[in-house]
Amino acid sequence: EALKRMENGGSIVNVSSAAAKTGSPNEYIDYAASKGAMDTFTIGLAKEVASKGIRVNSVRPGLIYTDMHSDGGEKDRVDRLKSKLPLGRGGTPEEVAAAIYFLASEHASFTTGSFVDVAGGL
């Protein structure tokens, strides 16, 4: 539906997850698999619609302080795992939003089929 409305080009930014790269063993492999599908969708759609001036990219957040962890039953999951990240901390929703904003902007006008990992070095 979005593509129908982009007659003059545009930008789509999907949200995947660093779990698509790690597989999230012993935690959320079903979630990781669905995000792997989102990565494949991003690459394929980017190639399919580039000639129409539509850019398709994705952001892959890692351990971000959101309610998703509480909803999954482990409120302090980011704190439990953050020491395994090279940056040693969890991320914020604002950091993810900044990456999305960049990819949607004209500053990324020559970027399509790409991923920005906002995952603390994971």
PDB file of N, CA and C in Angstrom:
ATOM      1  N   GLU A   1       0.827  -1.199   0.000  1.00  0.00           N
ATOM      2  CA  GLU A   1       0.000   0.000   0.000  1.00  0.00           C
ATOM      3  C   GLU A   1       0.863   1.251   0.000  1.00  0.00           C
ATOM      4  N   ALA A   2       1.962   1.216   0.751  1.00  0.00           N
ATOM      5  CA  ALA A   2       2.845   2.392   0.792  1.00  0.00           C
ATOM      6  C   ALA A   2       3.413   2.697  -0.587  1.00  0.00           C
ATOM      7  N   LEU A   3       3.786   1.655  -1.323  1.00  0.00           N
ATOM      8  CA  LEU A   3       4.376   1.865  -2.640  1.00  0.00           C
ATOM      9  C   LEU A   3       3.411   2.560  -3.594  1.00  0.00           C
ATOM     10  N   LYS A   4       2.126   2.277  -3.480  1.00  0.00           N
ATOM     11  CA  LYS A   4       1.135   2.914  -4.338  1.00  0.00           C
ATOM     12  C   LYS A   4       1.113   4.422  -4.135  1.00  0.00           C
ATOM     13  N   ARG A   5       1.470   4.866  -2.962  1.00  0.00           N
ATOM     14  CA  ARG A   5       1.423   6.283  -2.617  1.00  0.00           C
ATOM     15  C   ARG A   5       2.750   7.002  -2.876  1.00  0.00           C
ATOM     16  N   MET A   6       3.731   6.297  -3.394  1.00  0.00           N
ATOM     17  CA  MET A   6       5.058   6.869  -3.598  1.00  0.00           C
ATOM     18  C   MET A   6       5.351   7.067  -5.081  1.00  0.00           C
ATOM     19  N   GLU A   7       4.453   7.714  -5.775  1.00  0.00           N
ATOM     20  CA  GLU A   7       4.625   7.944  -7.211  1.00  0.00           C
ATOM     21  C   GLU A   7       5.842   8.806  -7.524  1.00  0.00           C
ATOM     22  N   ASN A   8       6.229   9.667  -6.606  1.00  0.00           N
ATOM     23  CA  ASN A   8       7.360  10.568  -6.828  1.00  0.00           C
ATOM     24  C   ASN A   8       8.586  10.154  -6.020  1.00  0.00           C
ATOM     25  N   GLY A   9       8.711   8.870  -5.747  1.00  0.00           N
ATOM     26  CA  GLY A   9       9.828   8.377  -4.966  1.00  0.00           C
ATOM     27  C   GLY A   9       9.526   8.464  -3.483  1.00  0.00           C
ATOM     28  N   GLY A  10      10.476   8.067  -2.693  1.00  0.00           N
ATOM     29  CA  GLY A  10      10.293   8.128  -1.257  1.00  0.00           C
ATOM     30  C   GLY A  10      11.261   7.221  -0.540  1.00  0.00           C
ATOM     31  N   SER A  11      11.010   7.058   0.744  1.00  0.00           N
ATOM     32  CA  SER A  11      11.894   6.272   1.583  1.00  0.00           C
ATOM     33  C   SER A  11      11.072   5.399   2.527  1.00  0.00           C
ATOM     34  N   ILE A  12      11.456   4.149   2.621  1.00  0.00           N
ATOM     35  CA  ILE A  12      10.874   3.216   3.576  1.00  0.00           C
ATOM     36  C   ILE A  12      12.000   2.784   4.506  1.00  0.00           C
ATOM     37  N   VAL A  13      11.748   2.852   5.802  1.00  0.00           N
ATOM     38  CA  VAL A  13      12.731   2.380   6.774  1.00  0.00           C
ATOM     39  C   VAL A  13      12.065   1.285   7.606  1.00  0.00           C
ATOM     40  N   ASN A  14      12.539   0.068   7.420  1.00  0.00           N
ATOM     41  CA  ASN A  14      12.048  -1.064   8.202  1.00  0.00           C
ATOM     42  C   ASN A  14      12.807  -1.134   9.524  1.00  0.00           C
ATOM     43  N   VAL A  15      12.200  -1.771  10.502  1.00  0.00           N
ATOM     44  CA  VAL A  15      12.879  -2.001  11.776  1.00  0.00           C
ATOM     45  C   VAL A  15      13.019  -3.510  11.951  1.00  0.00           C
ATOM     46  N   SER A  16      14.257  -3.940  11.959  1.00  0.00           N
ATOM     47  CA  SER A  16      14.586  -5.351  12.144  1.00  0.00           C
ATOM     48  C   SER A  16      15.123  -5.514  13.560  1.00  0.00           C
ATOM     49  N   SER A  17      16.201  -6.247  13.709  1.00  0.00           N
ATOM     50  CA  SER A  17      16.804  -6.446  15.024  1.00  0.00           C
ATOM     51  C   SER A  17      18.195  -7.034  14.847  1.00  0.00           C
ATOM     52  N   ALA A  18      19.083  -6.732  15.782  1.00  0.00           N
ATOM     53  CA  ALA A  18      20.392  -7.376  15.779  1.00  0.00           C
ATOM     54  C   ALA A  18      20.240  -8.890  15.933  1.00  0.00           C
ATOM     55  N   ALA A  19      19.108  -9.321  16.471  1.00  0.00           N
ATOM     56  CA  ALA A  19      18.841 -10.758  16.617  1.00  0.00           C
ATOM     57  C   ALA A  19      18.832 -11.462  15.266  1.00  0.00           C
ATOM     58  N   ALA A  20      18.557 -10.741  14.192  1.00  0.00           N
ATOM     59  CA  ALA A  20      18.582 -11.343  12.859  1.00  0.00           C
ATOM     60  C   ALA A  20      19.984 -11.831  12.512  1.00  0.00           C
ATOM     61  N   LYS A  21      21.004 -11.190  13.073  1.00  0.00           N
ATOM     62  CA  LYS A  21      22.390 -11.582  12.820  1.00  0.00           C
ATOM     63  C   LYS A  21      22.895 -12.597  13.828  1.00  0.00           C
ATOM     64  N   THR A  22      22.428 -12.513  15.071  1.00  0.00           N
ATOM     65  CA  THR A  22      22.953 -13.387  16.125  1.00  0.00           C
ATOM     66  C   THR A  22      22.178 -14.691  16.254  1.00  0.00           C
ATOM     67  N   GLY A  23      20.920 -14.684  15.811  1.00  0.00           N
ATOM     68  CA  GLY A  23      20.065 -15.853  15.966  1.00  0.00           C
ATOM     69  C   GLY A  23      19.408 -15.947  17.331  1.00  0.00           C
ATOM     70  N   SER A  24      19.863 -15.109  18.261  1.00  0.00           N
ATOM     71  CA  SER A  24      19.306 -15.039  19.617  1.00  0.00           C
ATOM     72  C   SER A  24      19.149 -16.421  20.270  1.00  0.00           C
ATOM     73  N   PRO A  25      20.238 -17.226  20.297  1.00  0.00           N
ATOM     74  CA  PRO A  25      20.135 -18.574  20.868  1.00  0.00           C
ATOM     75  C   PRO A  25      19.742 -18.555  22.346  1.00  0.00           C
ATOM     76  N   ASN A  26      18.958 -19.514  22.713  1.00  0.00           N
ATOM     77  CA  ASN A  26      18.502 -19.694  24.091  1.00  0.00           C
ATOM     78  C   ASN A  26      17.661 -18.537  24.625  1.00  0.00           C
ATOM     79  N   GLU A  27      17.226 -17.671  23.767  1.00  0.00           N
ATOM     80  CA  GLU A  27      16.434 -16.523  24.190  1.00  0.00           C
ATOM     81  C   GLU A  27      15.169 -16.397  23.334  1.00  0.00           C
ATOM     82  N   TYR A  28      15.374 -15.928  22.079  1.00  0.00           N
ATOM     83  CA  TYR A  28      14.239 -15.596  21.221  1.00  0.00           C
ATOM     84  C   TYR A  28      14.515 -15.993  19.768  1.00  0.00           C
ATOM     85  N   ILE A  29      14.729 -17.282  19.505  1.00  0.00           N
ATOM     86  CA  ILE A  29      15.053 -17.666  18.126  1.00  0.00           C
ATOM     87  C   ILE A  29      13.885 -17.442  17.183  1.00  0.00           C
ATOM     88  N   ASP A  30      12.652 -17.545  17.680  1.00  0.00           N
ATOM     89  CA  ASP A  30      11.498 -17.275  16.821  1.00  0.00           C
ATOM     90  C   ASP A  30      11.470 -15.807  16.412  1.00  0.00           C
ATOM     91  N   TYR A  31      11.765 -14.932  17.345  1.00  0.00           N
ATOM     92  CA  TYR A  31      11.840 -13.497  17.068  1.00  0.00           C
ATOM     93  C   TYR A  31      12.962 -13.218  16.071  1.00  0.00           C
ATOM     94  N   ALA A  32      14.131 -13.829  16.296  1.00  0.00           N
ATOM     95  CA  ALA A  32      15.273 -13.642  15.409  1.00  0.00           C
ATOM     96  C   ALA A  32      14.940 -14.081  13.984  1.00  0.00           C
ATOM     97  N   ALA A  33      14.230 -15.194  13.856  1.00  0.00           N
ATOM     98  CA  ALA A  33      13.856 -15.690  12.531  1.00  0.00           C
ATOM     99  C   ALA A  33      12.949 -14.699  11.808  1.00  0.00           C
ATOM    100  N   SER A  34      12.007 -14.115  12.537  1.00  0.00           N
ATOM    101  CA  SER A  34      11.109 -13.150  11.889  1.00  0.00           C
ATOM    102  C   SER A  34      11.875 -11.906  11.456  1.00  0.00           C
ATOM    103  N   LYS A  35      12.884 -11.520  12.218  1.00  0.00           N
ATOM    104  CA  LYS A  35      13.686 -10.346  11.847  1.00  0.00           C
ATOM    105  C   LYS A  35      14.627 -10.681  10.693  1.00  0.00           C
ATOM    106  N   GLY A  36      15.055 -11.928  10.605  1.00  0.00           N
ATOM    107  CA  GLY A  36      15.826 -12.352   9.440  1.00  0.00           C
ATOM    108  C   GLY A  36      14.999 -12.230   8.170  1.00  0.00           C
ATOM    109  N   ALA A  37      13.724 -12.560   8.275  1.00  0.00           N
ATOM    110  CA  ALA A  37      12.815 -12.387   7.140  1.00  0.00           C
ATOM    111  C   ALA A  37      12.678 -10.912   6.786  1.00  0.00           C
ATOM    112  N   MET A  38      12.648 -10.044   7.795  1.00  0.00           N
ATOM    113  CA  MET A  38      12.559  -8.605   7.534  1.00  0.00           C
ATOM    114  C   MET A  38      13.810  -8.115   6.801  1.00  0.00           C
ATOM    115  N   ASP A  39      14.967  -8.655   7.140  1.00  0.00           N
ATOM    116  CA  ASP A  39      16.192  -8.274   6.440  1.00  0.00           C
ATOM    117  C   ASP A  39      16.134  -8.683   4.971  1.00  0.00           C
ATOM    118  N   THR A  40      15.668  -9.901   4.715  1.00  0.00           N
ATOM    119  CA  THR A  40      15.538 -10.380   3.340  1.00  0.00           C
ATOM    120  C   THR A  40      14.541  -9.520   2.568  1.00  0.00           C
ATOM    121  N   PHE A  41      13.440  -9.165   3.193  1.00  0.00           N
ATOM    122  CA  PHE A  41      12.434  -8.297   2.585  1.00  0.00           C
ATOM    123  C   PHE A  41      13.038  -6.940   2.233  1.00  0.00           C
ATOM    124  N   THR A  42      13.834  -6.390   3.127  1.00  0.00           N
ATOM    125  CA  THR A  42      14.462  -5.083   2.894  1.00  0.00           C
ATOM    126  C   THR A  42      15.355  -5.130   1.663  1.00  0.00           C
ATOM    127  N   ILE A  43      16.190  -6.146   1.559  1.00  0.00           N
ATOM    128  CA  ILE A  43      17.110  -6.260   0.429  1.00  0.00           C
ATOM    129  C   ILE A  43      16.344  -6.437  -0.880  1.00  0.00           C
ATOM    130  N   GLY A  44      15.399  -7.350  -0.879  1.00  0.00           N
ATOM    131  CA  GLY A  44      14.638  -7.618  -2.101  1.00  0.00           C
ATOM    132  C   GLY A  44      13.816  -6.436  -2.558  1.00  0.00           C
ATOM    133  N   LEU A  45      13.094  -5.809  -1.639  1.00  0.00           N
ATOM    134  CA  LEU A  45      12.254  -4.668  -2.017  1.00  0.00           C
ATOM    135  C   LEU A  45      13.106  -3.489  -2.466  1.00  0.00           C
ATOM    136  N   ALA A  46      14.242  -3.285  -1.831  1.00  0.00           N
ATOM    137  CA  ALA A  46      15.128  -2.186  -2.239  1.00  0.00           C
ATOM    138  C   ALA A  46      15.533  -2.334  -3.704  1.00  0.00           C
ATOM    139  N   LYS A  47      15.880  -3.533  -4.101  1.00  0.00           N
ATOM    140  CA  LYS A  47      16.278  -3.773  -5.493  1.00  0.00           C
ATOM    141  C   LYS A  47      15.086  -3.664  -6.438  1.00  0.00           C
ATOM    142  N   GLU A  48      13.928  -4.054  -5.958  1.00  0.00           N
ATOM    143  CA  GLU A  48      12.728  -4.050  -6.787  1.00  0.00           C
ATOM    144  C   GLU A  48      12.230  -2.641  -7.110  1.00  0.00           C
ATOM    145  N   VAL A  49      12.356  -1.715  -6.174  1.00  0.00           N
ATOM    146  CA  VAL A  49      11.737  -0.392  -6.357  1.00  0.00           C
ATOM    147  C   VAL A  49      12.738   0.747  -6.526  1.00  0.00           C
ATOM    148  N   ALA A  50      14.018   0.449  -6.561  1.00  0.00           N
ATOM    149  CA  ALA A  50      15.024   1.506  -6.693  1.00  0.00           C
ATOM    150  C   ALA A  50      14.827   2.329  -7.962  1.00  0.00           C
ATOM    151  N   SER A  51      14.475   1.686  -9.052  1.00  0.00           N
ATOM    152  CA  SER A  51      14.304   2.412 -10.317  1.00  0.00           C
ATOM    153  C   SER A  51      13.134   3.382 -10.278  1.00  0.00           C
ATOM    154  N   LYS A  52      12.280   3.269  -9.278  1.00  0.00           N
ATOM    155  CA  LYS A  52      11.153   4.191  -9.104  1.00  0.00           C
ATOM    156  C   LYS A  52      11.501   5.324  -8.140  1.00  0.00           C
ATOM    157  N   GLY A  53      12.759   5.383  -7.731  1.00  0.00           N
ATOM    158  CA  GLY A  53      13.186   6.437  -6.823  1.00  0.00           C
ATOM    159  C   GLY A  53      12.794   6.189  -5.378  1.00  0.00           C
ATOM    160  N   ILE A  54      12.496   4.934  -5.065  1.00  0.00           N
ATOM    161  CA  ILE A  54      12.113   4.584  -3.697  1.00  0.00           C
ATOM    162  C   ILE A  54      13.292   3.865  -3.045  1.00  0.00           C
ATOM    163  N   ARG A  55      13.700   4.387  -1.907  1.00  0.00           N
ATOM    164  CA  ARG A  55      14.784   3.777  -1.144  1.00  0.00           C
ATOM    165  C   ARG A  55      14.196   2.941  -0.017  1.00  0.00           C
ATOM    166  N   VAL A  56      14.777   1.766   0.215  1.00  0.00           N
ATOM    167  CA  VAL A  56      14.318   0.880   1.285  1.00  0.00           C
ATOM    168  C   VAL A  56      15.543   0.476   2.105  1.00  0.00           C
ATOM    169  N   ASN A  57      15.523   0.817   3.372  1.00  0.00           N
ATOM    170  CA  ASN A  57      16.620   0.507   4.281  1.00  0.00           C
ATOM    171  C   ASN A  57      16.053  -0.038   5.580  1.00  0.00           C
ATOM    172  N   SER A  58      16.934  -0.389   6.487  1.00  0.00           N
ATOM    173  CA  SER A  58      16.479  -0.945   7.752  1.00  0.00           C
ATOM    174  C   SER A  58      17.409  -0.546   8.889  1.00  0.00           C
ATOM    175  N   VAL A  59      16.837  -0.448  10.056  1.00  0.00           N
ATOM    176  CA  VAL A  59      17.589  -0.247  11.290  1.00  0.00           C
ATOM    177  C   VAL A  59      17.476  -1.538  12.087  1.00  0.00           C
ATOM    178  N   ARG A  60      18.622  -1.976  12.639  1.00  0.00           N
ATOM    179  CA  ARG A  60      18.642  -3.191  13.455  1.00  0.00           C
ATOM    180  C   ARG A  60      19.045  -2.840  14.884  1.00  0.00           C
ATOM    181  N   PRO A  61      18.053  -2.546  15.731  1.00  0.00           N
ATOM    182  CA  PRO A  61      18.376  -2.267  17.133  1.00  0.00           C
ATOM    183  C   PRO A  61      18.862  -3.525  17.845  1.00  0.00           C
ATOM    184  N   GLY A  62      19.644  -3.293  18.880  1.00  0.00           N
ATOM    185  CA  GLY A  62      20.086  -4.379  19.740  1.00  0.00           C
ATOM    186  C   GLY A  62      19.342  -4.311  21.058  1.00  0.00           C
ATOM    187  N   LEU A  63      20.087  -4.328  22.143  1.00  0.00           N
ATOM    188  CA  LEU A  63      19.489  -4.266  23.474  1.00  0.00           C
ATOM    189  C   LEU A  63      19.125  -2.815  23.790  1.00  0.00           C
ATOM    190  N   ILE A  64      17.863  -2.523  23.650  1.00  0.00           N
ATOM    191  CA  ILE A  64      17.351  -1.169  23.830  1.00  0.00           C
ATOM    192  C   ILE A  64      16.411  -1.172  25.032  1.00  0.00           C
ATOM    193  N   TYR A  65      16.502  -0.147  25.850  1.00  0.00           N
ATOM    194  CA  TYR A  65      15.611  -0.015  27.006  1.00  0.00           C
ATOM    195  C   TYR A  65      14.200   0.330  26.536  1.00  0.00           C
ATOM    196  N   THR A  66      13.378  -0.697  26.342  1.00  0.00           N
ATOM    197  CA  THR A  66      11.977  -0.533  25.959  1.00  0.00           C
ATOM    198  C   THR A  66      11.125  -1.488  26.786  1.00  0.00           C
ATOM    199  N   ASP A  67       9.831  -1.352  26.649  1.00  0.00           N
ATOM    200  CA  ASP A  67       8.895  -2.231  27.349  1.00  0.00           C
ATOM    201  C   ASP A  67       8.861  -3.642  26.768  1.00  0.00           C
ATOM    202  N   MET A  68       9.482  -3.849  25.612  1.00  0.00           N
ATOM    203  CA  MET A  68       9.454  -5.164  24.983  1.00  0.00           C
ATOM    204  C   MET A  68       9.985  -6.236  25.937  1.00  0.00           C
ATOM    205  N   HIS A  69      10.994  -5.903  26.704  1.00  0.00           N
ATOM    206  CA  HIS A  69      11.594  -6.881  27.605  1.00  0.00           C
ATOM    207  C   HIS A  69      10.652  -7.200  28.766  1.00  0.00           C
ATOM    208  N   SER A  70      10.006  -6.180  29.283  1.00  0.00           N
ATOM    209  CA  SER A  70       9.002  -6.413  30.343  1.00  0.00           C
ATOM    210  C   SER A  70       7.859  -7.253  29.804  1.00  0.00           C
ATOM    211  N   ASP A  71       7.404  -6.911  28.599  1.00  0.00           N
ATOM    212  CA  ASP A  71       6.310  -7.664  27.984  1.00  0.00           C
ATOM    213  C   ASP A  71       6.692  -9.124  27.761  1.00  0.00           C
ATOM    214  N   GLY A  72       7.990  -9.376  27.552  1.00  0.00           N
ATOM    215  CA  GLY A  72       8.481 -10.739  27.360  1.00  0.00           C
ATOM    216  C   GLY A  72       8.759 -11.470  28.664  1.00  0.00           C
ATOM    217  N   GLY A  73       8.553 -10.772  29.781  1.00  0.00           N
ATOM    218  CA  GLY A  73       8.690 -11.425  31.078  1.00  0.00           C
ATOM    219  C   GLY A  73      10.004 -11.179  31.804  1.00  0.00           C
ATOM    220  N   GLU A  74      10.876 -10.347  31.254  1.00  0.00           N
ATOM    221  CA  GLU A  74      12.143 -10.071  31.931  1.00  0.00           C
ATOM    222  C   GLU A  74      12.453  -8.580  31.860  1.00  0.00           C
ATOM    223  N   LYS A  75      11.938  -7.864  32.816  1.00  0.00           N
ATOM    224  CA  LYS A  75      12.056  -6.404  32.852  1.00  0.00           C
ATOM    225  C   LYS A  75      13.516  -5.935  32.795  1.00  0.00           C
ATOM    226  N   ASP A  76      14.432  -6.645  33.433  1.00  0.00           N
ATOM    227  CA  ASP A  76      15.832  -6.220  33.530  1.00  0.00           C
ATOM    228  C   ASP A  76      16.754  -6.930  32.538  1.00  0.00           C
ATOM    229  N   ARG A  77      16.201  -7.401  31.429  1.00  0.00           N
ATOM    230  CA  ARG A  77      16.987  -8.163  30.454  1.00  0.00           C
ATOM    231  C   ARG A  77      18.172  -7.361  29.906  1.00  0.00           C
ATOM    232  N   VAL A  78      17.958  -6.089  29.586  1.00  0.00           N
ATOM    233  CA  VAL A  78      19.053  -5.275  29.049  1.00  0.00           C
ATOM    234  C   VAL A  78      20.190  -5.191  30.064  1.00  0.00           C
ATOM    235  N   ASP A  79      19.856  -4.960  31.317  1.00  0.00           N
ATOM    236  CA  ASP A  79      20.891  -4.877  32.348  1.00  0.00           C
ATOM    237  C   ASP A  79      21.623  -6.210  32.520  1.00  0.00           C
ATOM    238  N   ARG A  80      20.923  -7.314  32.374  1.00  0.00           N
ATOM    239  CA  ARG A  80      21.550  -8.633  32.497  1.00  0.00           C
ATOM    240  C   ARG A  80      22.562  -8.878  31.378  1.00  0.00           C
ATOM    241  N   LEU A  81      22.285  -8.377  30.184  1.00  0.00           N
ATOM    242  CA  LEU A  81      23.098  -8.702  29.012  1.00  0.00           C
ATOM    243  C   LEU A  81      24.046  -7.598  28.547  1.00  0.00           C
ATOM    244  N   LYS A  82      23.900  -6.402  29.051  1.00  0.00           N
ATOM    245  CA  LYS A  82      24.660  -5.269  28.506  1.00  0.00           C
ATOM    246  C   LYS A  82      26.176  -5.428  28.622  1.00  0.00           C
ATOM    247  N   SER A  83      26.665  -6.148  29.604  1.00  0.00           N
ATOM    248  CA  SER A  83      28.114  -6.328  29.753  1.00  0.00           C
ATOM    249  C   SER A  83      28.719  -7.128  28.600  1.00  0.00           C
ATOM    250  N   LYS A  84      27.890  -7.827  27.827  1.00  0.00           N
ATOM    251  CA  LYS A  84      28.372  -8.601  26.682  1.00  0.00           C
ATOM    252  C   LYS A  84      28.557  -7.736  25.425  1.00  0.00           C
ATOM    253  N   LEU A  85      28.100  -6.492  25.495  1.00  0.00           N
ATOM    254  CA  LEU A  85      28.228  -5.591  24.353  1.00  0.00           C
ATOM    255  C   LEU A  85      29.550  -4.836  24.412  1.00  0.00           C
ATOM    256  N   PRO A  86      30.191  -4.603  23.287  1.00  0.00           N
ATOM    257  CA  PRO A  86      31.429  -3.834  23.296  1.00  0.00           C
ATOM    258  C   PRO A  86      31.290  -2.457  23.962  1.00  0.00           C
ATOM    259  N   LEU A  87      30.165  -1.784  23.779  1.00  0.00           N
ATOM    260  CA  LEU A  87      29.984  -0.486  24.430  1.00  0.00           C
ATOM    261  C   LEU A  87      29.565  -0.609  25.888  1.00  0.00           C
ATOM    262  N   GLY A  88      29.190  -1.810  26.322  1.00  0.00           N
ATOM    263  CA  GLY A  88      28.915  -2.064  27.725  1.00  0.00           C
ATOM    264  C   GLY A  88      27.661  -1.432  28.295  1.00  0.00           C
ATOM    265  N   ARG A  89      26.740  -1.048  27.440  1.00  0.00           N
ATOM    266  CA  ARG A  89      25.491  -0.442  27.918  1.00  0.00           C
ATOM    267  C   ARG A  89      24.360  -0.741  26.954  1.00  0.00           C
ATOM    268  N   GLY A  90      23.144  -0.592  27.440  1.00  0.00           N
ATOM    269  CA  GLY A  90      21.979  -0.706  26.578  1.00  0.00           C
ATOM    270  C   GLY A  90      21.750   0.604  25.846  1.00  0.00           C
ATOM    271  N   GLY A  91      20.976   0.536  24.780  1.00  0.00           N
ATOM    272  CA  GLY A  91      20.676   1.722  23.990  1.00  0.00           C
ATOM    273  C   GLY A  91      19.346   2.338  24.372  1.00  0.00           C
ATOM    274  N   THR A  92      19.076   3.484  23.790  1.00  0.00           N
ATOM    275  CA  THR A  92      17.832   4.195  24.062  1.00  0.00           C
ATOM    276  C   THR A  92      16.964   4.244  22.810  1.00  0.00           C
ATOM    277  N   PRO A  93      15.667   4.384  22.996  1.00  0.00           N
ATOM    278  CA  PRO A  93      14.790   4.548  21.838  1.00  0.00           C
ATOM    279  C   PRO A  93      15.172   5.766  20.994  1.00  0.00           C
ATOM    280  N   GLU A  94      15.684   6.800  21.631  1.00  0.00           N
ATOM    281  CA  GLU A  94      16.085   8.001  20.890  1.00  0.00           C
ATOM    282  C   GLU A  94      17.246   7.723  19.940  1.00  0.00           C
ATOM    283  N   GLU A  95      18.145   6.828  20.336  1.00  0.00           N
ATOM    284  CA  GLU A  95      19.259   6.472  19.461  1.00  0.00           C
ATOM    285  C   GLU A  95      18.771   5.707  18.236  1.00  0.00           C
ATOM    286  N   VAL A  96      17.796   4.865  18.433  1.00  0.00           N
ATOM    287  CA  VAL A  96      17.194   4.143  17.310  1.00  0.00           C
ATOM    288  C   VAL A  96      16.458   5.121  16.401  1.00  0.00           C
ATOM    289  N   ALA A  97      15.703   6.024  16.996  1.00  0.00           N
ATOM    290  CA  ALA A  97      14.954   7.018  16.218  1.00  0.00           C
ATOM    291  C   ALA A  97      15.886   7.877  15.370  1.00  0.00           C
ATOM    292  N   ALA A  98      17.052   8.225  15.897  1.00  0.00           N
ATOM    293  CA  ALA A  98      18.002   9.049  15.142  1.00  0.00           C
ATOM    294  C   ALA A  98      18.477   8.322  13.890  1.00  0.00           C
ATOM    295  N   ALA A  99      18.706   7.023  13.989  1.00  0.00           N
ATOM    296  CA  ALA A  99      19.129   6.246  12.819  1.00  0.00           C
ATOM    297  C   ALA A  99      18.006   6.167  11.790  1.00  0.00           C
ATOM    298  N   ILE A 100      16.778   5.979  12.263  1.00  0.00           N
ATOM    299  CA  ILE A 100      15.627   5.944  11.357  1.00  0.00           C
ATOM    300  C   ILE A 100      15.482   7.290  10.656  1.00  0.00           C
ATOM    301  N   TYR A 101      15.603   8.345  11.413  1.00  0.00           N
ATOM    302  CA  TYR A 101      15.486   9.701  10.852  1.00  0.00           C
ATOM    303  C   TYR A 101      16.530   9.921   9.759  1.00  0.00           C
ATOM    304  N   PHE A 102      17.767   9.507  10.022  1.00  0.00           N
ATOM    305  CA  PHE A 102      18.822   9.648   9.025  1.00  0.00           C
ATOM    306  C   PHE A 102      18.472   8.898   7.744  1.00  0.00           C
ATOM    307  N   LEU A 103      18.091   7.635   7.862  1.00  0.00           N
ATOM    308  CA  LEU A 103      17.795   6.841   6.668  1.00  0.00           C
ATOM    309  C   LEU A 103      16.609   7.390   5.886  1.00  0.00           C
ATOM    310  N   ALA A 104      15.665   7.990   6.569  1.00  0.00           N
ATOM    311  CA  ALA A 104      14.501   8.566   5.889  1.00  0.00           C
ATOM    312  C   ALA A 104      14.818   9.904   5.240  1.00  0.00           C
ATOM    313  N   SER A 105      15.892  10.533   5.653  1.00  0.00           N
ATOM    314  CA  SER A 105      16.215  11.889   5.195  1.00  0.00           C
ATOM    315  C   SER A 105      16.955  11.895   3.861  1.00  0.00           C
ATOM    316  N   GLU A 106      17.076  13.077   3.306  1.00  0.00           N
ATOM    317  CA  GLU A 106      17.833  13.259   2.069  1.00  0.00           C
ATOM    318  C   GLU A 106      19.337  13.059   2.282  1.00  0.00           C
ATOM    319  N   HIS A 107      19.795  13.069   3.530  1.00  0.00           N
ATOM    320  CA  HIS A 107      21.205  12.802   3.805  1.00  0.00           C
ATOM    321  C   HIS A 107      21.576  11.370   3.418  1.00  0.00           C
ATOM    322  N   ALA A 108      20.587  10.511   3.286  1.00  0.00           N
ATOM    323  CA  ALA A 108      20.810   9.118   2.890  1.00  0.00           C
ATOM    324  C   ALA A 108      20.295   8.873   1.471  1.00  0.00           C
ATOM    325  N   SER A 109      20.327   9.896   0.642  1.00  0.00           N
ATOM    326  CA  SER A 109      19.711   9.812  -0.693  1.00  0.00           C
ATOM    327  C   SER A 109      20.385   8.803  -1.628  1.00  0.00           C
ATOM    328  N   PHE A 110      21.586   8.366  -1.312  1.00  0.00           N
ATOM    329  CA  PHE A 110      22.279   7.379  -2.141  1.00  0.00           C
ATOM    330  C   PHE A 110      22.410   6.051  -1.408  1.00  0.00           C
ATOM    331  N   THR A 111      21.508   5.828  -0.484  1.00  0.00           N
ATOM    332  CA  THR A 111      21.545   4.617   0.342  1.00  0.00           C
ATOM    333  C   THR A 111      20.254   3.847   0.180  1.00  0.00           C
ATOM    334  N   THR A 112      20.366   2.614  -0.270  1.00  0.00           N
ATOM    335  CA  THR A 112      19.206   1.728  -0.342  1.00  0.00           C
ATOM    336  C   THR A 112      19.679   0.292  -0.172  1.00  0.00           C
ATOM    337  N   GLY A 113      18.826  -0.528   0.409  1.00  0.00           N
ATOM    338  CA  GLY A 113      19.181  -1.920   0.667  1.00  0.00           C
ATOM    339  C   GLY A 113      20.220  -2.060   1.762  1.00  0.00           C
ATOM    340  N   SER A 114      20.290  -1.073   2.622  1.00  0.00           N
ATOM    341  CA  SER A 114      21.323  -1.050   3.656  1.00  0.00           C
ATOM    342  C   SER A 114      20.733  -1.161   5.055  1.00  0.00           C
ATOM    343  N   PHE A 115      21.627  -1.435   6.003  1.00  0.00           N
ATOM    344  CA  PHE A 115      21.241  -1.619   7.396  1.00  0.00           C
ATOM    345  C   PHE A 115      22.105  -0.745   8.284  1.00  0.00           C
ATOM    346  N   VAL A 116      21.486  -0.132   9.257  1.00  0.00           N
ATOM    347  CA  VAL A 116      22.220   0.574  10.298  1.00  0.00           C
ATOM    348  C   VAL A 116      21.993  -0.209  11.586  1.00  0.00           C
ATOM    349  N   ASP A 117      23.084  -0.743  12.124  1.00  0.00           N
ATOM    350  CA  ASP A 117      23.011  -1.484  13.382  1.00  0.00           C
ATOM    351  C   ASP A 117      23.156  -0.505  14.534  1.00  0.00           C
ATOM    352  N   VAL A 118      22.146  -0.452  15.376  1.00  0.00           N
ATOM    353  CA  VAL A 118      22.170   0.385  16.573  1.00  0.00           C
ATOM    354  C   VAL A 118      22.179  -0.596  17.733  1.00  0.00           C
ATOM    355  N   ALA A 119      23.348  -1.209  17.932  1.00  0.00           N
ATOM    356  CA  ALA A 119      23.417  -2.384  18.794  1.00  0.00           C
ATOM    357  C   ALA A 119      24.634  -2.411  19.703  1.00  0.00           C
ATOM    358  N   GLY A 120      25.236  -1.272  19.952  1.00  0.00           N
ATOM    359  CA  GLY A 120      26.334  -1.225  20.890  1.00  0.00           C
ATOM    360  C   GLY A 120      27.564  -2.009  20.485  1.00  0.00           C
ATOM    361  N   GLY A 121      27.722  -2.259  19.203  1.00  0.00           N
ATOM    362  CA  GLY A 121      28.884  -2.995  18.705  1.00  0.00           C
ATOM    363  C   GLY A 121      28.664  -4.481  18.527  1.00  0.00           C
ATOM    364  N   LEU A 122      27.449  -4.945  18.802  1.00  0.00           N
ATOM    365  CA  LEU A 122      27.121  -6.357  18.645  1.00  0.00           C
ATOM    366  C   LEU A 122      27.189  -6.769  17.200  1.00  0.00           C
TER     367      LEU A 122
END
